Each structure stands twice: as structure tokens, then as C-alpha cells.
Amino acid sequence: MTQLENIELPEPPGGLVTHHPHGFHLLEMTHLVGHSGSTRGRVWLLSDPSSVRDAADGYLDAWLAGCGTGLDEEFSVWTHVPGSGREGSELREALGRTAEGQPFIDWSKVPLPDPGHVHLPVGQPVRWFGQLYFFGGTEHDD
């Protein structure tokens, strides 16, 4: 076995750019429940910011009910704009409580750019971070 020591690799020119031809948002609200990668929760592949906000707000209470019950949790949204790098936000940082104690996501704290003019067509799957995602919402209950 050969080891590379004191070798510094150059950064890719212009940063990491994904080459998917369509713009989209990937919203993930899941809990890792097994050492084999089993998850519970939902993942959405959507093409407009208002759908992302609606999906996250509608599932927030269910997601919070599962917090602390698994090995890890994913509560984030990623945006891909064709020809640009991907942009992600951890939604936990935008969690707040109303005066009545109800949880909510403060969307003013979440950068959610428009994914561009060439939106992902309905029915088009996307491979993202090594996983295959399908348009719309997918429920996980492994």
C-alpha cells in the first residue's frame, strides 16, 4: 500500500459545479433509525420555492415528533441551479416558536433561490449525493 504524504491537491477551478440540466429543490426531513441506513420521514424533489415551504410547514409537527428517537436526523433543503454550485441550508437553524409555543420555520432565515428557468420536469428522477430521488414527495418507513 502506498501512502501520499505532504501532497496537496488543487481546488477544482471555479468550485464544485453540478451538471444536471434542470433546476430543483430537494427537501429532506428524515430520521436515521438503523445502522444499515434505514430511515423514517419524507423527502421531496420539487421545482419551486413555495412548494418547498408548503411541504416543510405541513410536515413539521410529524418530523419534530420523531426527533431524538433515531441515530441521526436530516432536516435540510438543497437547491440546484443549472450551471451553478449547489446551495444547502440546515432548517434547524430557522426553527422558531410562536407566542403560543407552536413550532414554525422562519423562512426569512433560509436562502431558497429560484432554481432557474429550466425546472425539473414532473416525473424526472434525480441522482443526488448518490441517492435516486423521484419528483414530488416520497415517504420513508424502513
N, C-alpha and C. Protein backbone atom coordinates (compact mmCIF):
# COMPACT_ATOMS: atom_id res chain seq x y z
N MET A 1 0.84 -1.17 0.00
CA MET A 1 0.00 0.00 0.00
C MET A 1 0.89 1.23 0.00
N THR A 2 0.59 2.16 -0.87
CA THR A 2 1.35 3.40 -0.98
C THR A 2 0.56 4.53 -0.34
N GLN A 3 1.23 5.36 0.44
CA GLN A 3 0.57 6.49 1.06
C GLN A 3 1.11 7.77 0.45
N LEU A 4 0.23 8.70 0.26
CA LEU A 4 0.64 10.02 -0.21
C LEU A 4 0.77 10.93 1.01
N GLU A 5 1.95 11.40 1.21
CA GLU A 5 2.18 12.28 2.34
C GLU A 5 2.60 13.64 1.83
N ASN A 6 2.17 14.64 2.53
CA ASN A 6 2.51 16.02 2.20
C ASN A 6 2.16 16.38 0.77
N ILE A 7 1.08 15.79 0.26
CA ILE A 7 0.61 16.10 -1.08
C ILE A 7 -0.63 16.97 -0.93
N GLU A 8 -0.62 18.11 -1.58
CA GLU A 8 -1.77 18.99 -1.53
C GLU A 8 -2.41 19.04 -2.91
N LEU A 9 -3.67 18.63 -2.97
CA LEU A 9 -4.37 18.63 -4.24
C LEU A 9 -4.99 19.99 -4.50
N PRO A 10 -4.95 20.45 -5.75
CA PRO A 10 -5.52 21.77 -6.05
C PRO A 10 -7.04 21.73 -5.99
N GLU A 11 -7.64 22.88 -5.68
CA GLU A 11 -9.09 23.02 -5.70
C GLU A 11 -9.57 22.96 -7.15
N PRO A 12 -10.76 22.40 -7.38
CA PRO A 12 -11.28 22.42 -8.75
C PRO A 12 -11.50 23.86 -9.20
N PRO A 13 -11.25 24.15 -10.47
CA PRO A 13 -11.42 25.53 -10.93
C PRO A 13 -12.89 25.95 -10.82
N GLY A 14 -13.12 27.11 -10.22
CA GLY A 14 -14.47 27.65 -10.13
C GLY A 14 -15.35 26.96 -9.11
N GLY A 15 -14.82 26.11 -8.25
CA GLY A 15 -15.63 25.42 -7.25
C GLY A 15 -16.34 24.22 -7.85
N LEU A 16 -17.09 23.54 -7.01
CA LEU A 16 -17.80 22.35 -7.43
C LEU A 16 -19.09 22.75 -8.15
N VAL A 17 -19.25 22.33 -9.37
CA VAL A 17 -20.43 22.66 -10.16
C VAL A 17 -21.09 21.36 -10.59
N THR A 18 -22.37 21.23 -10.30
CA THR A 18 -23.09 20.06 -10.77
C THR A 18 -23.57 20.33 -12.18
N HIS A 19 -23.72 19.28 -12.96
CA HIS A 19 -24.05 19.45 -14.38
C HIS A 19 -25.44 18.98 -14.73
N HIS A 20 -26.32 18.84 -13.75
CA HIS A 20 -27.69 18.45 -14.05
C HIS A 20 -28.35 19.58 -14.83
N PRO A 21 -29.06 19.29 -15.91
CA PRO A 21 -29.60 20.34 -16.78
C PRO A 21 -30.84 21.05 -16.26
N HIS A 22 -31.45 20.57 -15.17
CA HIS A 22 -32.68 21.17 -14.66
C HIS A 22 -32.49 21.71 -13.25
N GLY A 23 -33.26 22.74 -12.93
CA GLY A 23 -33.22 23.29 -11.58
C GLY A 23 -34.23 22.59 -10.69
N PHE A 24 -33.89 22.43 -9.40
CA PHE A 24 -34.79 21.76 -8.47
C PHE A 24 -34.39 22.06 -7.03
N HIS A 25 -35.31 21.73 -6.13
CA HIS A 25 -35.06 21.77 -4.69
C HIS A 25 -35.23 20.36 -4.15
N LEU A 26 -34.40 19.98 -3.20
CA LEU A 26 -34.52 18.70 -2.52
C LEU A 26 -34.67 19.00 -1.03
N LEU A 27 -35.84 18.68 -0.50
CA LEU A 27 -36.15 18.89 0.91
C LEU A 27 -36.13 17.53 1.59
N GLU A 28 -35.34 17.43 2.67
CA GLU A 28 -35.25 16.15 3.39
C GLU A 28 -35.57 16.37 4.86
N MET A 29 -36.57 15.60 5.33
CA MET A 29 -36.97 15.63 6.73
C MET A 29 -37.07 14.18 7.19
N THR A 30 -35.92 13.60 7.56
CA THR A 30 -35.86 12.17 7.88
C THR A 30 -35.10 11.94 9.19
N HIS A 31 -35.29 10.73 9.71
CA HIS A 31 -34.57 10.26 10.90
C HIS A 31 -33.91 8.94 10.54
N LEU A 32 -32.63 8.82 10.81
CA LEU A 32 -31.91 7.56 10.62
C LEU A 32 -32.28 6.65 11.78
N VAL A 33 -32.86 5.48 11.49
CA VAL A 33 -33.37 4.62 12.56
C VAL A 33 -32.65 3.28 12.66
N GLY A 34 -31.69 3.02 11.81
CA GLY A 34 -30.96 1.76 11.88
C GLY A 34 -29.54 1.93 11.38
N HIS A 35 -28.67 1.07 11.85
CA HIS A 35 -27.26 1.14 11.44
C HIS A 35 -27.06 0.76 9.98
N SER A 36 -28.09 0.18 9.36
CA SER A 36 -27.98 -0.21 7.95
C SER A 36 -28.42 0.92 7.02
N GLY A 37 -28.75 2.09 7.57
CA GLY A 37 -29.17 3.21 6.75
C GLY A 37 -30.68 3.35 6.64
N SER A 38 -31.43 2.60 7.42
CA SER A 38 -32.89 2.70 7.40
C SER A 38 -33.34 4.07 7.87
N THR A 39 -34.31 4.64 7.18
CA THR A 39 -34.79 5.98 7.52
C THR A 39 -36.30 6.01 7.66
N ARG A 40 -36.77 7.00 8.41
CA ARG A 40 -38.20 7.31 8.52
C ARG A 40 -38.34 8.79 8.24
N GLY A 41 -39.39 9.13 7.54
CA GLY A 41 -39.65 10.53 7.26
C GLY A 41 -40.02 10.72 5.80
N ARG A 42 -39.79 11.92 5.32
CA ARG A 42 -40.14 12.24 3.93
C ARG A 42 -39.04 13.03 3.25
N VAL A 43 -39.00 12.85 1.92
CA VAL A 43 -38.10 13.60 1.06
C VAL A 43 -38.92 14.11 -0.10
N TRP A 44 -38.71 15.37 -0.47
CA TRP A 44 -39.42 15.96 -1.60
C TRP A 44 -38.43 16.46 -2.64
N LEU A 45 -38.73 16.20 -3.89
CA LEU A 45 -38.00 16.76 -5.03
C LEU A 45 -38.99 17.68 -5.72
N LEU A 46 -38.73 18.97 -5.67
CA LEU A 46 -39.69 19.97 -6.14
C LEU A 46 -39.00 21.01 -7.01
N SER A 47 -39.80 21.79 -7.72
CA SER A 47 -39.19 22.75 -8.63
C SER A 47 -39.51 24.21 -8.31
N ASP A 48 -40.25 24.50 -7.25
CA ASP A 48 -40.46 25.91 -6.92
C ASP A 48 -40.41 26.11 -5.40
N PRO A 49 -39.92 27.27 -4.97
CA PRO A 49 -39.74 27.54 -3.53
C PRO A 49 -41.03 27.47 -2.72
N SER A 50 -42.16 27.90 -3.27
CA SER A 50 -43.40 27.88 -2.49
C SER A 50 -43.82 26.44 -2.16
N SER A 51 -43.57 25.50 -3.06
CA SER A 51 -43.88 24.09 -2.79
C SER A 51 -43.00 23.54 -1.68
N VAL A 52 -41.75 23.98 -1.63
CA VAL A 52 -40.83 23.55 -0.57
C VAL A 52 -41.34 24.04 0.77
N ARG A 53 -41.70 25.32 0.84
CA ARG A 53 -42.20 25.88 2.10
C ARG A 53 -43.48 25.16 2.54
N ASP A 54 -44.41 24.93 1.62
CA ASP A 54 -45.66 24.25 1.96
C ASP A 54 -45.40 22.84 2.49
N ALA A 55 -44.51 22.10 1.82
CA ALA A 55 -44.22 20.72 2.23
C ALA A 55 -43.58 20.69 3.62
N ALA A 56 -42.59 21.54 3.84
CA ALA A 56 -41.90 21.56 5.14
C ALA A 56 -42.83 22.00 6.26
N ASP A 57 -43.61 23.04 6.02
CA ASP A 57 -44.53 23.52 7.05
C ASP A 57 -45.59 22.47 7.36
N GLY A 58 -46.06 21.77 6.35
CA GLY A 58 -47.09 20.75 6.55
C GLY A 58 -46.62 19.51 7.27
N TYR A 59 -45.32 19.22 7.21
CA TYR A 59 -44.79 18.00 7.82
C TYR A 59 -44.00 18.29 9.11
N LEU A 60 -43.88 19.55 9.47
CA LEU A 60 -43.02 19.94 10.59
C LEU A 60 -43.41 19.25 11.90
N ASP A 61 -44.67 19.24 12.27
CA ASP A 61 -45.07 18.62 13.54
C ASP A 61 -44.73 17.13 13.57
N ALA A 62 -44.98 16.43 12.47
CA ALA A 62 -44.67 15.00 12.41
C ALA A 62 -43.16 14.77 12.51
N TRP A 63 -42.37 15.61 11.85
CA TRP A 63 -40.91 15.46 11.90
C TRP A 63 -40.41 15.71 13.32
N LEU A 64 -40.90 16.76 13.95
CA LEU A 64 -40.46 17.08 15.31
C LEU A 64 -40.85 16.00 16.30
N ALA A 65 -41.97 15.33 16.07
CA ALA A 65 -42.40 14.25 16.97
C ALA A 65 -41.40 13.10 16.98
N GLY A 66 -40.64 12.92 15.92
CA GLY A 66 -39.65 11.84 15.84
C GLY A 66 -38.26 12.25 16.27
N CYS A 67 -38.05 13.51 16.61
CA CYS A 67 -36.71 13.98 16.99
C CYS A 67 -36.20 13.26 18.23
N GLY A 68 -34.94 12.89 18.19
CA GLY A 68 -34.30 12.23 19.31
C GLY A 68 -34.58 10.74 19.40
N THR A 69 -35.35 10.19 18.46
CA THR A 69 -35.68 8.77 18.52
C THR A 69 -34.78 7.91 17.64
N GLY A 70 -33.96 8.55 16.82
CA GLY A 70 -33.10 7.79 15.90
C GLY A 70 -31.64 8.04 16.16
N LEU A 71 -30.82 7.56 15.23
CA LEU A 71 -29.37 7.70 15.33
C LEU A 71 -28.88 9.04 14.80
N ASP A 72 -29.63 9.60 13.85
CA ASP A 72 -29.26 10.87 13.23
C ASP A 72 -30.51 11.44 12.59
N GLU A 73 -30.47 12.71 12.25
CA GLU A 73 -31.62 13.37 11.65
C GLU A 73 -31.17 14.25 10.50
N GLU A 74 -32.01 14.34 9.50
CA GLU A 74 -31.75 15.22 8.36
C GLU A 74 -32.93 16.17 8.26
N PHE A 75 -32.64 17.46 8.27
CA PHE A 75 -33.67 18.50 8.23
C PHE A 75 -33.09 19.65 7.41
N SER A 76 -33.08 19.46 6.09
CA SER A 76 -32.39 20.42 5.23
C SER A 76 -33.06 20.56 3.88
N VAL A 77 -32.67 21.60 3.18
CA VAL A 77 -33.14 21.81 1.82
C VAL A 77 -31.93 22.18 0.96
N TRP A 78 -31.85 21.56 -0.21
CA TRP A 78 -30.78 21.82 -1.18
C TRP A 78 -31.41 22.40 -2.43
N THR A 79 -30.72 23.32 -3.06
CA THR A 79 -31.19 23.90 -4.32
C THR A 79 -30.11 23.70 -5.36
N HIS A 80 -30.54 23.26 -6.54
CA HIS A 80 -29.63 23.15 -7.67
C HIS A 80 -30.11 24.08 -8.77
N VAL A 81 -29.23 25.00 -9.18
CA VAL A 81 -29.49 25.88 -10.31
C VAL A 81 -28.51 25.46 -11.40
N PRO A 82 -29.01 25.09 -12.60
CA PRO A 82 -28.11 24.62 -13.66
C PRO A 82 -26.95 25.59 -13.91
N GLY A 83 -25.75 25.02 -13.99
CA GLY A 83 -24.55 25.81 -14.25
C GLY A 83 -23.96 26.46 -13.01
N SER A 84 -24.56 26.23 -11.85
CA SER A 84 -24.08 26.81 -10.60
C SER A 84 -23.77 25.69 -9.62
N GLY A 85 -23.13 26.05 -8.55
CA GLY A 85 -22.92 25.09 -7.48
C GLY A 85 -24.22 24.87 -6.73
N ARG A 86 -24.26 23.82 -5.95
CA ARG A 86 -25.46 23.56 -5.17
C ARG A 86 -25.40 24.37 -3.88
N GLU A 87 -26.58 24.71 -3.38
CA GLU A 87 -26.68 25.51 -2.18
C GLU A 87 -27.59 24.80 -1.20
N GLY A 88 -27.14 24.62 0.02
CA GLY A 88 -27.94 23.92 1.01
C GLY A 88 -28.11 24.72 2.28
N SER A 89 -29.21 24.43 2.98
CA SER A 89 -29.49 25.09 4.24
C SER A 89 -29.99 24.07 5.25
N GLU A 90 -29.46 24.16 6.44
CA GLU A 90 -29.94 23.34 7.56
C GLU A 90 -31.14 24.07 8.14
N LEU A 91 -32.31 23.46 8.08
CA LEU A 91 -33.53 24.13 8.53
C LEU A 91 -33.63 24.26 10.05
N ARG A 92 -32.89 23.46 10.78
CA ARG A 92 -32.92 23.53 12.24
C ARG A 92 -32.56 24.94 12.72
N GLU A 93 -31.68 25.60 12.00
CA GLU A 93 -31.24 26.94 12.38
C GLU A 93 -32.36 27.98 12.21
N ALA A 94 -33.40 27.63 11.45
CA ALA A 94 -34.50 28.56 11.21
C ALA A 94 -35.74 28.21 12.03
N LEU A 95 -35.64 27.23 12.92
CA LEU A 95 -36.78 26.87 13.75
C LEU A 95 -37.05 27.94 14.79
N GLY A 96 -38.32 28.23 14.97
CA GLY A 96 -38.74 29.19 15.99
C GLY A 96 -40.00 28.71 16.66
N ARG A 97 -40.50 29.47 17.59
CA ARG A 97 -41.75 29.17 18.30
C ARG A 97 -42.61 30.42 18.30
N THR A 98 -43.91 30.22 18.09
CA THR A 98 -44.85 31.32 18.17
C THR A 98 -45.05 31.68 19.64
N ALA A 99 -45.79 32.76 19.90
CA ALA A 99 -46.09 33.16 21.28
C ALA A 99 -46.86 32.07 22.01
N GLU A 100 -47.61 31.26 21.25
CA GLU A 100 -48.37 30.15 21.85
C GLU A 100 -47.53 28.88 22.00
N GLY A 101 -46.27 28.92 21.58
CA GLY A 101 -45.38 27.77 21.72
C GLY A 101 -45.38 26.82 20.53
N GLN A 102 -46.09 27.17 19.48
CA GLN A 102 -46.13 26.31 18.28
C GLN A 102 -44.83 26.47 17.47
N PRO A 103 -44.24 25.37 17.03
CA PRO A 103 -43.02 25.46 16.22
C PRO A 103 -43.34 25.97 14.82
N PHE A 104 -42.39 26.70 14.23
CA PHE A 104 -42.52 27.14 12.85
C PHE A 104 -41.13 27.32 12.26
N ILE A 105 -41.07 27.33 10.94
CA ILE A 105 -39.82 27.59 10.23
C ILE A 105 -39.84 29.05 9.80
N ASP A 106 -38.84 29.80 10.21
CA ASP A 106 -38.72 31.20 9.82
C ASP A 106 -38.02 31.23 8.46
N TRP A 107 -38.82 31.30 7.41
CA TRP A 107 -38.29 31.21 6.05
C TRP A 107 -37.42 32.40 5.67
N SER A 108 -37.49 33.50 6.43
CA SER A 108 -36.61 34.64 6.14
C SER A 108 -35.15 34.31 6.45
N LYS A 109 -34.92 33.24 7.21
CA LYS A 109 -33.56 32.81 7.56
C LYS A 109 -33.03 31.72 6.64
N VAL A 110 -33.84 31.31 5.66
CA VAL A 110 -33.47 30.20 4.78
C VAL A 110 -33.27 30.71 3.36
N PRO A 111 -32.04 30.69 2.86
CA PRO A 111 -31.86 31.06 1.45
C PRO A 111 -32.48 29.99 0.56
N LEU A 112 -33.45 30.37 -0.22
CA LEU A 112 -34.16 29.42 -1.07
C LEU A 112 -34.29 30.05 -2.46
N PRO A 113 -33.18 30.02 -3.22
CA PRO A 113 -33.20 30.68 -4.53
C PRO A 113 -34.11 29.97 -5.52
N ASP A 114 -34.58 30.73 -6.48
CA ASP A 114 -35.36 30.14 -7.57
C ASP A 114 -34.40 29.26 -8.36
N PRO A 115 -34.81 28.03 -8.70
CA PRO A 115 -33.88 27.12 -9.38
C PRO A 115 -33.68 27.41 -10.87
N GLY A 116 -34.06 28.58 -11.34
CA GLY A 116 -33.80 28.95 -12.72
C GLY A 116 -34.98 28.72 -13.63
N HIS A 117 -34.76 28.96 -14.90
CA HIS A 117 -35.84 28.89 -15.90
C HIS A 117 -36.12 27.47 -16.38
N VAL A 118 -35.17 26.59 -16.26
CA VAL A 118 -35.34 25.22 -16.76
C VAL A 118 -35.62 24.31 -15.56
N HIS A 119 -36.90 24.29 -15.15
CA HIS A 119 -37.28 23.49 -13.98
C HIS A 119 -37.30 22.00 -14.32
N LEU A 120 -37.10 21.21 -13.31
CA LEU A 120 -37.15 19.77 -13.44
C LEU A 120 -38.54 19.35 -13.88
N PRO A 121 -38.65 18.58 -14.97
CA PRO A 121 -39.97 18.12 -15.41
C PRO A 121 -40.59 17.13 -14.41
N VAL A 122 -41.90 17.22 -14.26
CA VAL A 122 -42.61 16.29 -13.39
C VAL A 122 -42.33 14.87 -13.86
N GLY A 123 -42.01 13.99 -12.94
CA GLY A 123 -41.71 12.60 -13.28
C GLY A 123 -40.24 12.31 -13.51
N GLN A 124 -39.41 13.35 -13.60
CA GLN A 124 -37.98 13.17 -13.86
C GLN A 124 -37.24 12.87 -12.56
N PRO A 125 -36.63 11.70 -12.41
CA PRO A 125 -35.85 11.43 -11.19
C PRO A 125 -34.49 12.13 -11.24
N VAL A 126 -33.87 12.26 -10.08
CA VAL A 126 -32.57 12.91 -9.97
C VAL A 126 -31.69 12.07 -9.06
N ARG A 127 -30.44 11.88 -9.46
CA ARG A 127 -29.45 11.25 -8.57
C ARG A 127 -28.70 12.39 -7.89
N TRP A 128 -28.77 12.39 -6.55
CA TRP A 128 -28.22 13.49 -5.76
C TRP A 128 -27.51 12.90 -4.56
N PHE A 129 -26.24 13.20 -4.38
CA PHE A 129 -25.43 12.65 -3.30
C PHE A 129 -25.51 11.12 -3.26
N GLY A 130 -25.53 10.50 -4.43
CA GLY A 130 -25.51 9.04 -4.52
C GLY A 130 -26.86 8.37 -4.34
N GLN A 131 -27.92 9.13 -4.14
CA GLN A 131 -29.26 8.57 -3.95
C GLN A 131 -30.13 8.96 -5.14
N LEU A 132 -31.10 8.11 -5.46
CA LEU A 132 -32.05 8.39 -6.52
C LEU A 132 -33.33 8.94 -5.89
N TYR A 133 -33.76 10.11 -6.35
CA TYR A 133 -34.96 10.76 -5.83
C TYR A 133 -35.95 10.94 -6.97
N PHE A 134 -37.24 10.83 -6.63
CA PHE A 134 -38.30 10.99 -7.62
C PHE A 134 -39.08 12.26 -7.34
N PHE A 135 -39.62 12.86 -8.40
CA PHE A 135 -40.33 14.11 -8.30
C PHE A 135 -41.51 13.97 -7.34
N GLY A 136 -41.76 15.01 -6.56
CA GLY A 136 -42.84 15.00 -5.58
C GLY A 136 -42.32 14.53 -4.24
N GLY A 137 -43.21 13.99 -3.43
CA GLY A 137 -42.83 13.53 -2.10
C GLY A 137 -42.70 12.03 -2.03
N THR A 138 -41.73 11.56 -1.27
CA THR A 138 -41.51 10.14 -1.05
C THR A 138 -41.46 9.89 0.46
N GLU A 139 -42.29 8.98 0.92
CA GLU A 139 -42.29 8.64 2.34
C GLU A 139 -41.35 7.46 2.57
N HIS A 140 -40.52 7.59 3.61
CA HIS A 140 -39.60 6.51 4.00
C HIS A 140 -40.06 5.95 5.33
N ASP A 141 -40.19 4.64 5.40
CA ASP A 141 -40.56 3.98 6.66
C ASP A 141 -39.90 2.61 6.67
N ASP A 142 -38.58 2.62 6.63
CA ASP A 142 -37.80 1.36 6.61
C ASP A 142 -37.82 0.68 7.95
